[in-house]
Every structure is written in C-alpha cells, then in structure tokens.
Amino acid sequence: HIPITTIYHQFPGFGYFILDSLALGDMFFCNDENVKVLAC
C-alpha cells in the first residue's frame, strides 16, 4: 500500500520481487499477529 509501490503493481512478479523479498530477509513485522497475544 505504500504509494511508491503502486506503480509496480501492474508488473509481473511484483509480489515475488518486492513483497516476498521482505520475507526472504526475515522482515515480517506482524502487528496483526502480535496484537492477538498482547493483554496490555
């Protein structure tokens, strides 16, 4: 959803080259999973 990536959505491999590369670098930052566990 970051504006700079929206121009690349139309290109084949966007998910793999841009989005999956974060996972390959062990970058997940899963706020959605973390807040399911928090109680504070």
All heavy atoms as atom14 arrays in JSON, in Angstrom:
{
  "sequence": "HIPITTIYHQFPGFGYFILDSLALGDMFFCNDENVKVLAC",
  "atom14_mask": [
    [1, 1, 1, 1, 1, 1, 1, 1, 1, 1, 0, 0, 0, 0],
    [1, 1, 1, 1, 1, 1, 1, 1, 0, 0, 0, 0, 0, 0],
    [1, 1, 1, 1, 1, 1, 1, 0, 0, 0, 0, 0, 0, 0],
    [1, 1, 1, 1, 1, 1, 1, 1, 0, 0, 0, 0, 0, 0],
    [1, 1, 1, 1, 1, 1, 1, 0, 0, 0, 0, 0, 0, 0],
    [1, 1, 1, 1, 1, 1, 1, 0, 0, 0, 0, 0, 0, 0],
    [1, 1, 1, 1, 1, 1, 1, 1, 0, 0, 0, 0, 0, 0],
    [1, 1, 1, 1, 1, 1, 1, 1, 1, 1, 1, 1, 0, 0],
    [1, 1, 1, 1, 1, 1, 1, 1, 1, 1, 0, 0, 0, 0],
    [1, 1, 1, 1, 1, 1, 1, 1, 1, 0, 0, 0, 0, 0],
    [1, 1, 1, 1, 1, 1, 1, 1, 1, 1, 1, 0, 0, 0],
    [1, 1, 1, 1, 1, 1, 1, 0, 0, 0, 0, 0, 0, 0],
    [1, 1, 1, 1, 0, 0, 0, 0, 0, 0, 0, 0, 0, 0],
    [1, 1, 1, 1, 1, 1, 1, 1, 1, 1, 1, 0, 0, 0],
    [1, 1, 1, 1, 0, 0, 0, 0, 0, 0, 0, 0, 0, 0],
    [1, 1, 1, 1, 1, 1, 1, 1, 1, 1, 1, 1, 0, 0],
    [1, 1, 1, 1, 1, 1, 1, 1, 1, 1, 1, 0, 0, 0],
    [1, 1, 1, 1, 1, 1, 1, 1, 0, 0, 0, 0, 0, 0],
    [1, 1, 1, 1, 1, 1, 1, 1, 0, 0, 0, 0, 0, 0],
    [1, 1, 1, 1, 1, 1, 1, 1, 0, 0, 0, 0, 0, 0],
    [1, 1, 1, 1, 1, 1, 0, 0, 0, 0, 0, 0, 0, 0],
    [1, 1, 1, 1, 1, 1, 1, 1, 0, 0, 0, 0, 0, 0],
    [1, 1, 1, 1, 1, 0, 0, 0, 0, 0, 0, 0, 0, 0],
    [1, 1, 1, 1, 1, 1, 1, 1, 0, 0, 0, 0, 0, 0],
    [1, 1, 1, 1, 0, 0, 0, 0, 0, 0, 0, 0, 0, 0],
    [1, 1, 1, 1, 1, 1, 1, 1, 0, 0, 0, 0, 0, 0],
    [1, 1, 1, 1, 1, 1, 1, 1, 0, 0, 0, 0, 0, 0],
    [1, 1, 1, 1, 1, 1, 1, 1, 1, 1, 1, 0, 0, 0],
    [1, 1, 1, 1, 1, 1, 1, 1, 1, 1, 1, 0, 0, 0],
    [1, 1, 1, 1, 1, 1, 0, 0, 0, 0, 0, 0, 0, 0],
    [1, 1, 1, 1, 1, 1, 1, 1, 0, 0, 0, 0, 0, 0],
    [1, 1, 1, 1, 1, 1, 1, 1, 0, 0, 0, 0, 0, 0],
    [1, 1, 1, 1, 1, 1, 1, 1, 1, 0, 0, 0, 0, 0],
    [1, 1, 1, 1, 1, 1, 1, 1, 0, 0, 0, 0, 0, 0],
    [1, 1, 1, 1, 1, 1, 1, 0, 0, 0, 0, 0, 0, 0],
    [1, 1, 1, 1, 1, 1, 1, 1, 1, 0, 0, 0, 0, 0],
    [1, 1, 1, 1, 1, 1, 1, 0, 0, 0, 0, 0, 0, 0],
    [1, 1, 1, 1, 1, 1, 1, 1, 0, 0, 0, 0, 0, 0],
    [1, 1, 1, 1, 1, 0, 0, 0, 0, 0, 0, 0, 0, 0],
    [1, 1, 1, 1, 1, 1, 0, 0, 0, 0, 0, 0, 0, 0]
  ],
  "atom14_positions": [
    [[0.8, -1.22, 0.0], [0.0, 0.0, 0.0], [0.84, 1.29, 0.0], [0.27, 2.37, -0.12], [-0.94, 0.01, 1.21], [-2.07, -0.93, 1.07], [-1.99, -2.25, 1.45], [-3.31, -0.77, 0.54], [-3.14, -2.85, 1.19], [-3.96, -1.97, 0.64], [0.0, 0.0, 0.0], [0.0, 0.0, 0.0], [0.0, 0.0, 0.0], [0.0, 0.0, 0.0]],
    [[2.13, 1.17, 0.15], [2.98, 2.37, 0.12], [2.91, 2.96, -1.3], [3.07, 2.22, -2.28], [4.43, 2.03, 0.53], [4.45, 1.62, 2.0], [5.36, 3.21, 0.28], [5.79, 1.14, 2.49], [0.0, 0.0, 0.0], [0.0, 0.0, 0.0], [0.0, 0.0, 0.0], [0.0, 0.0, 0.0], [0.0, 0.0, 0.0], [0.0, 0.0, 0.0]],
    [[2.67, 4.25, -1.42], [2.44, 4.86, -2.73], [3.51, 4.52, -3.79], [3.17, 4.29, -4.94], [2.41, 6.36, -2.44], [1.93, 6.44, -1.03], [2.51, 5.23, -0.34], [0.0, 0.0, 0.0], [0.0, 0.0, 0.0], [0.0, 0.0, 0.0], [0.0, 0.0, 0.0], [0.0, 0.0, 0.0], [0.0, 0.0, 0.0], [0.0, 0.0, 0.0]],
    [[4.76, 4.49, -3.42], [5.79, 4.23, -4.42], [5.68, 2.84, -5.04], [6.08, 2.62, -6.17], [7.21, 4.48, -3.85], [8.2, 4.62, -4.99], [7.62, 3.39, -2.89], [9.48, 5.3, -4.63], [0.0, 0.0, 0.0], [0.0, 0.0, 0.0], [0.0, 0.0, 0.0], [0.0, 0.0, 0.0], [0.0, 0.0, 0.0], [0.0, 0.0, 0.0]],
    [[5.11, 1.89, -4.3], [4.99, 0.54, -4.86], [3.78, 0.38, -5.77], [3.74, -0.56, -6.56], [4.91, -0.53, -3.74], [3.71, -0.36, -3.0], [6.12, -0.5, -2.85], [0.0, 0.0, 0.0], [0.0, 0.0, 0.0], [0.0, 0.0, 0.0], [0.0, 0.0, 0.0], [0.0, 0.0, 0.0], [0.0, 0.0, 0.0], [0.0, 0.0, 0.0]],
    [[2.83, 1.29, -5.71], [1.61, 1.13, -6.51], [1.91, 1.16, -8.0], [1.19, 0.5, -8.77], [0.55, 2.18, -6.15], [1.09, 3.48, -6.33], [0.05, 2.0, -4.73], [0.0, 0.0, 0.0], [0.0, 0.0, 0.0], [0.0, 0.0, 0.0], [0.0, 0.0, 0.0], [0.0, 0.0, 0.0], [0.0, 0.0, 0.0], [0.0, 0.0, 0.0]],
    [[2.92, 1.86, -8.43], [3.24, 1.89, -9.86], [3.77, 0.54, -10.34], [3.72, 0.24, -11.53], [4.22, 3.02, -10.21], [5.54, 2.87, -9.46], [3.6, 4.38, -9.97], [6.62, 3.84, -9.87], [0.0, 0.0, 0.0], [0.0, 0.0, 0.0], [0.0, 0.0, 0.0], [0.0, 0.0, 0.0], [0.0, 0.0, 0.0], [0.0, 0.0, 0.0]],
    [[4.26, -0.27, -9.42], [4.82, -1.58, -9.79], [3.79, -2.71, -9.73], [4.08, -3.81, -10.16], [6.01, -1.91, -8.88], [7.14, -0.93, -9.02], [7.4, 0.0, -8.02], [7.93, -0.93, -10.16], [8.42, 0.92, -8.15], [8.96, -0.01, -10.3], [9.21, 0.91, -9.3], [10.22, 1.81, -9.44], [0.0, 0.0, 0.0], [0.0, 0.0, 0.0]],
    [[2.63, -2.45, -9.19], [1.6, -3.5, -9.07], [1.27, -4.14, -10.41], [0.94, -5.32, -10.47], [0.31, -2.93, -8.47], [0.42, -2.66, -7.01], [-0.69, -2.47, -6.23], [1.47, -2.54, -6.17], [-0.32, -2.22, -4.98], [0.99, -2.26, -4.93], [0.0, 0.0, 0.0], [0.0, 0.0, 0.0], [0.0, 0.0, 0.0], [0.0, 0.0, 0.0]],
    [[1.35, -3.38, -11.48], [0.96, -3.88, -12.79], [1.99, -4.83, -13.4], [1.68, -5.57, -14.33], [0.74, -2.71, -13.74], [2.01, -1.88, -13.98], [1.75, -0.62, -14.78], [0.8, -0.58, -15.55], [2.57, 0.38, -14.6], [0.0, 0.0, 0.0], [0.0, 0.0, 0.0], [0.0, 0.0, 0.0], [0.0, 0.0, 0.0], [0.0, 0.0, 0.0]],
    [[3.2, -4.83, -12.88], [4.25, -5.65, -13.47], [4.22, -7.07, -12.92], [4.01, -7.28, -11.73], [5.63, -5.03, -13.22], [5.8, -3.7, -13.87], [5.91, -2.55, -13.1], [5.85, -3.58, -15.26], [6.07, -1.31, -13.7], [6.01, -2.35, -15.85], [6.12, -1.21, -15.09], [0.0, 0.0, 0.0], [0.0, 0.0, 0.0], [0.0, 0.0, 0.0]],
    [[4.46, -8.04, -13.81], [4.53, -9.43, -13.34], [5.67, -9.58, -12.33], [6.72, -8.97, -12.47], [4.83, -10.23, -14.61], [4.62, -9.31, -15.75], [4.69, -7.91, -15.22], [0.0, 0.0, 0.0], [0.0, 0.0, 0.0], [0.0, 0.0, 0.0], [0.0, 0.0, 0.0], [0.0, 0.0, 0.0], [0.0, 0.0, 0.0], [0.0, 0.0, 0.0]],
    [[5.43, -10.38, -11.34], [6.47, -10.63, -10.34], [6.53, -9.62, -9.21], [7.41, -9.69, -8.36], [0.0, 0.0, 0.0], [0.0, 0.0, 0.0], [0.0, 0.0, 0.0], [0.0, 0.0, 0.0], [0.0, 0.0, 0.0], [0.0, 0.0, 0.0], [0.0, 0.0, 0.0], [0.0, 0.0, 0.0], [0.0, 0.0, 0.0], [0.0, 0.0, 0.0]],
    [[5.58, -8.65, -9.2], [5.59, -7.64, -8.13], [5.6, -8.31, -6.76], [6.4, -7.98, -5.9], [4.38, -6.71, -8.26], [4.17, -5.84, -7.05], [5.0, -4.76, -6.8], [3.16, -6.11, -6.14], [4.82, -3.96, -5.67], [2.97, -5.32, -5.02], [3.8, -4.24, -4.79], [0.0, 0.0, 0.0], [0.0, 0.0, 0.0], [0.0, 0.0, 0.0]],
    [[4.68, -9.26, -6.58], [4.6, -9.95, -5.28], [5.89, -10.64, -4.91], [6.37, -10.53, -3.79], [0.0, 0.0, 0.0], [0.0, 0.0, 0.0], [0.0, 0.0, 0.0], [0.0, 0.0, 0.0], [0.0, 0.0, 0.0], [0.0, 0.0, 0.0], [0.0, 0.0, 0.0], [0.0, 0.0, 0.0], [0.0, 0.0, 0.0], [0.0, 0.0, 0.0]],
    [[6.49, -11.3, -5.87], [7.72, -12.05, -5.59], [8.9, -11.12, -5.35], [9.59, -11.22, -4.34], [8.04, -13.02, -6.73], [9.36, -13.72, -6.54], [9.47, -14.76, -5.62], [10.49, -13.32, -7.23], [10.68, -15.39, -5.4], [11.7, -13.95, -7.02], [11.79, -14.98, -6.11], [13.0, -15.6, -5.9], [0.0, 0.0, 0.0], [0.0, 0.0, 0.0]],
    [[9.14, -10.21, -6.29], [10.34, -9.38, -6.21], [10.28, -8.32, -5.12], [11.28, -8.0, -4.5], [10.64, -8.72, -7.56], [11.13, -9.69, -8.59], [10.36, -10.01, -9.68], [12.37, -10.29, -8.45], [10.81, -10.91, -10.63], [12.83, -11.2, -9.38], [12.06, -11.51, -10.49], [0.0, 0.0, 0.0], [0.0, 0.0, 0.0], [0.0, 0.0, 0.0]],
    [[9.13, -7.77, -4.9], [9.02, -6.7, -3.9], [8.55, -7.24, -2.54], [9.23, -7.09, -1.53], [8.05, -5.59, -4.38], [8.47, -5.04, -5.73], [7.92, -4.5, -3.33], [9.77, -4.28, -5.75], [0.0, 0.0, 0.0], [0.0, 0.0, 0.0], [0.0, 0.0, 0.0], [0.0, 0.0, 0.0], [0.0, 0.0, 0.0], [0.0, 0.0, 0.0]],
    [[7.4, -7.87, -2.54], [6.8, -8.27, -1.27], [7.47, -9.49, -0.66], [7.75, -9.51, 0.54], [5.3, -8.51, -1.44], [4.51, -7.32, -2.0], [3.05, -7.67, -2.13], [4.71, -6.08, -1.16], [0.0, 0.0, 0.0], [0.0, 0.0, 0.0], [0.0, 0.0, 0.0], [0.0, 0.0, 0.0], [0.0, 0.0, 0.0], [0.0, 0.0, 0.0]],
    [[7.74, -10.49, -1.45], [8.37, -11.71, -0.91], [9.82, -11.49, -0.51], [10.35, -12.21, 0.32], [8.27, -12.87, -1.91], [6.84, -13.34, -2.11], [5.98, -12.96, -1.29], [6.59, -14.07, -3.08], [0.0, 0.0, 0.0], [0.0, 0.0, 0.0], [0.0, 0.0, 0.0], [0.0, 0.0, 0.0], [0.0, 0.0, 0.0], [0.0, 0.0, 0.0]],
    [[10.47, -10.48, -1.09], [11.86, -10.22, -0.72], [11.98, -9.79, 0.74], [13.0, -10.04, 1.39], [12.47, -9.15, -1.64], [11.82, -7.91, -1.46], [0.0, 0.0, 0.0], [0.0, 0.0, 0.0], [0.0, 0.0, 0.0], [0.0, 0.0, 0.0], [0.0, 0.0, 0.0], [0.0, 0.0, 0.0], [0.0, 0.0, 0.0], [0.0, 0.0, 0.0]],
    [[10.94, -9.17, 1.27], [10.94, -8.82, 2.69], [10.98, -10.07, 3.55], [11.74, -10.14, 4.53], [9.71, -7.98, 3.03], [9.64, -6.61, 2.37], [8.24, -6.03, 2.48], [10.67, -5.68, 2.98], [0.0, 0.0, 0.0], [0.0, 0.0, 0.0], [0.0, 0.0, 0.0], [0.0, 0.0, 0.0], [0.0, 0.0, 0.0], [0.0, 0.0, 0.0]],
    [[10.18, -11.06, 3.2], [10.15, -12.33, 3.95], [11.49, -13.05, 3.83], [11.98, -13.64, 4.79], [9.02, -13.21, 3.46], [0.0, 0.0, 0.0], [0.0, 0.0, 0.0], [0.0, 0.0, 0.0], [0.0, 0.0, 0.0], [0.0, 0.0, 0.0], [0.0, 0.0, 0.0], [0.0, 0.0, 0.0], [0.0, 0.0, 0.0], [0.0, 0.0, 0.0]],
    [[12.1, -12.98, 2.65], [13.41, -13.63, 2.46], [14.46, -12.99, 3.37], [15.42, -13.64, 3.76], [13.84, -13.56, 1.0], [13.0, -14.4, 0.03], [13.39, -14.11, -1.41], [13.14, -15.88, 0.35], [0.0, 0.0, 0.0], [0.0, 0.0, 0.0], [0.0, 0.0, 0.0], [0.0, 0.0, 0.0], [0.0, 0.0, 0.0], [0.0, 0.0, 0.0]],
    [[14.26, -11.73, 3.7], [15.17, -11.03, 4.61], [14.72, -11.1, 6.05], [15.18, -10.34, 6.89], [0.0, 0.0, 0.0], [0.0, 0.0, 0.0], [0.0, 0.0, 0.0], [0.0, 0.0, 0.0], [0.0, 0.0, 0.0], [0.0, 0.0, 0.0], [0.0, 0.0, 0.0], [0.0, 0.0, 0.0], [0.0, 0.0, 0.0], [0.0, 0.0, 0.0]],
    [[13.8, -12.01, 6.35], [13.25, -12.17, 7.7], [12.65, -10.88, 8.25], [12.81, -10.54, 9.42], [14.31, -12.71, 8.67], [14.61, -14.18, 8.45], [13.69, -14.91, 8.02], [15.76, -14.59, 8.69], [0.0, 0.0, 0.0], [0.0, 0.0, 0.0], [0.0, 0.0, 0.0], [0.0, 0.0, 0.0], [0.0, 0.0, 0.0], [0.0, 0.0, 0.0]],
    [[11.96, -10.16, 7.39], [11.28, -8.93, 7.79], [9.78, -9.17, 7.65], [9.25, -9.2, 6.54], [11.71, -7.77, 6.89], [13.2, -7.47, 6.94], [13.71, -6.71, 8.47], [13.8, -5.03, 7.96], [0.0, 0.0, 0.0], [0.0, 0.0, 0.0], [0.0, 0.0, 0.0], [0.0, 0.0, 0.0], [0.0, 0.0, 0.0], [0.0, 0.0, 0.0]],
    [[9.11, -9.36, 8.78], [7.68, -9.63, 8.78], [6.88, -8.56, 9.52], [5.84, -8.16, 9.09], [7.38, -11.01, 9.4], [8.05, -12.14, 8.67], [9.25, -12.66, 9.13], [7.49, -12.66, 7.53], [9.87, -13.7, 8.45], [8.1, -13.7, 6.84], [9.3, -14.22, 7.3], [0.0, 0.0, 0.0], [0.0, 0.0, 0.0], [0.0, 0.0, 0.0]],
    [[7.38, -8.14, 10.67], [6.73, -7.12, 11.49], [5.22, -7.32, 11.52], [4.44, -6.5, 11.05], [7.07, -5.72, 11.01], [8.53, -5.37, 11.16], [9.35, -5.33, 10.05], [9.06, -5.1, 12.4], [10.7, -5.01, 10.19], [10.41, -4.79, 12.56], [11.23, -4.74, 11.43], [0.0, 0.0, 0.0], [0.0, 0.0, 0.0], [0.0, 0.0, 0.0]],
    [[4.8, -8.43, 12.08], [3.39, -8.83, 12.1], [2.64, -8.21, 13.27], [2.34, -8.87, 14.27], [3.29, -10.35, 12.15], [3.96, -11.14, 10.69], [0.0, 0.0, 0.0], [0.0, 0.0, 0.0], [0.0, 0.0, 0.0], [0.0, 0.0, 0.0], [0.0, 0.0, 0.0], [0.0, 0.0, 0.0], [0.0, 0.0, 0.0], [0.0, 0.0, 0.0]],
    [[2.29, -6.94, 13.13], [1.46, -6.3, 14.16], [0.17, -7.07, 14.36], [-0.3, -7.22, 15.49], [1.12, -4.87, 13.75], [2.24, -3.9, 13.99], [3.03, -4.08, 14.91], [2.33, -2.87, 13.18], [0.0, 0.0, 0.0], [0.0, 0.0, 0.0], [0.0, 0.0, 0.0], [0.0, 0.0, 0.0], [0.0, 0.0, 0.0], [0.0, 0.0, 0.0]],
    [[-0.41, -7.56, 13.26], [-1.69, -8.25, 13.35], [-1.6, -9.52, 14.19], [-2.51, -9.84, 14.95], [-2.29, -8.54, 11.98], [-1.33, -9.19, 11.0], [-0.15, -9.45, 11.33], [-1.76, -9.44, 9.85], [0.0, 0.0, 0.0], [0.0, 0.0, 0.0], [0.0, 0.0, 0.0], [0.0, 0.0, 0.0], [0.0, 0.0, 0.0], [0.0, 0.0, 0.0]],
    [[-0.5, -10.24, 14.11], [-0.32, -11.43, 14.94], [0.05, -11.07, 16.37], [-0.39, -11.7, 17.32], [0.72, -12.37, 14.32], [0.29, -12.97, 13.0], [-1.0, -13.76, 13.1], [-1.16, -14.54, 14.06], [-1.87, -13.59, 12.22], [0.0, 0.0, 0.0], [0.0, 0.0, 0.0], [0.0, 0.0, 0.0], [0.0, 0.0, 0.0], [0.0, 0.0, 0.0]],
    [[0.86, -10.04, 16.52], [1.32, -9.63, 17.85], [0.17, -9.12, 18.73], [0.09, -9.46, 19.9], [2.4, -8.57, 17.75], [3.69, -9.11, 17.16], [3.96, -10.32, 17.2], [4.5, -8.24, 16.62], [0.0, 0.0, 0.0], [0.0, 0.0, 0.0], [0.0, 0.0, 0.0], [0.0, 0.0, 0.0], [0.0, 0.0, 0.0], [0.0, 0.0, 0.0]],
    [[-0.73, -8.32, 18.15], [-1.81, -7.76, 18.98], [-2.8, -8.83, 19.43], [-3.52, -8.62, 20.4], [-2.55, -6.59, 18.29], [-1.61, -5.43, 18.01], [-3.29, -7.04, 17.04], [0.0, 0.0, 0.0], [0.0, 0.0, 0.0], [0.0, 0.0, 0.0], [0.0, 0.0, 0.0], [0.0, 0.0, 0.0], [0.0, 0.0, 0.0], [0.0, 0.0, 0.0]],
    [[-2.8, -9.97, 18.76], [-3.69, -11.07, 19.18], [-3.23, -11.68, 20.5], [-4.0, -12.32, 21.19], [-3.71, -12.17, 18.12], [-4.44, -11.8, 16.85], [-4.35, -12.94, 15.85], [-4.98, -12.61, 14.52], [-4.79, -13.7, 13.55], [0.0, 0.0, 0.0], [0.0, 0.0, 0.0], [0.0, 0.0, 0.0], [0.0, 0.0, 0.0], [0.0, 0.0, 0.0]],
    [[-1.96, -11.46, 20.84], [-1.36, -12.06, 22.04], [-1.3, -11.06, 23.19], [-1.37, -11.44, 24.35], [0.06, -12.58, 21.69], [0.77, -13.12, 22.91], [-0.01, -13.63, 20.59], [0.0, 0.0, 0.0], [0.0, 0.0, 0.0], [0.0, 0.0, 0.0], [0.0, 0.0, 0.0], [0.0, 0.0, 0.0], [0.0, 0.0, 0.0], [0.0, 0.0, 0.0]],
    [[-1.17, -9.78, 22.88], [-0.99, -8.77, 23.92], [-2.21, -8.66, 24.83], [-3.33, -8.93, 24.42], [-0.7, -7.4, 23.29], [0.56, -7.29, 22.46], [0.7, -5.87, 21.91], [1.79, -7.69, 23.25], [0.0, 0.0, 0.0], [0.0, 0.0, 0.0], [0.0, 0.0, 0.0], [0.0, 0.0, 0.0], [0.0, 0.0, 0.0], [0.0, 0.0, 0.0]],
    [[-1.95, -8.24, 26.06], [-3.03, -8.01, 27.02], [-2.94, -6.6, 27.62], [-3.84, -6.17, 28.32], [-2.98, -9.05, 28.13], [0.0, 0.0, 0.0], [0.0, 0.0, 0.0], [0.0, 0.0, 0.0], [0.0, 0.0, 0.0], [0.0, 0.0, 0.0], [0.0, 0.0, 0.0], [0.0, 0.0, 0.0], [0.0, 0.0, 0.0], [0.0, 0.0, 0.0]],
    [[-1.86, -5.89, 27.33], [-1.67, -4.54, 27.88], [-2.57, -3.54, 27.14], [-3.04, -3.82, 26.04], [-0.21, -4.13, 27.75], [0.35, -4.0, 26.03], [0.0, 0.0, 0.0], [0.0, 0.0, 0.0], [0.0, 0.0, 0.0], [0.0, 0.0, 0.0], [0.0, 0.0, 0.0], [0.0, 0.0, 0.0], [0.0, 0.0, 0.0], [0.0, 0.0, 0.0]]
  ]
}
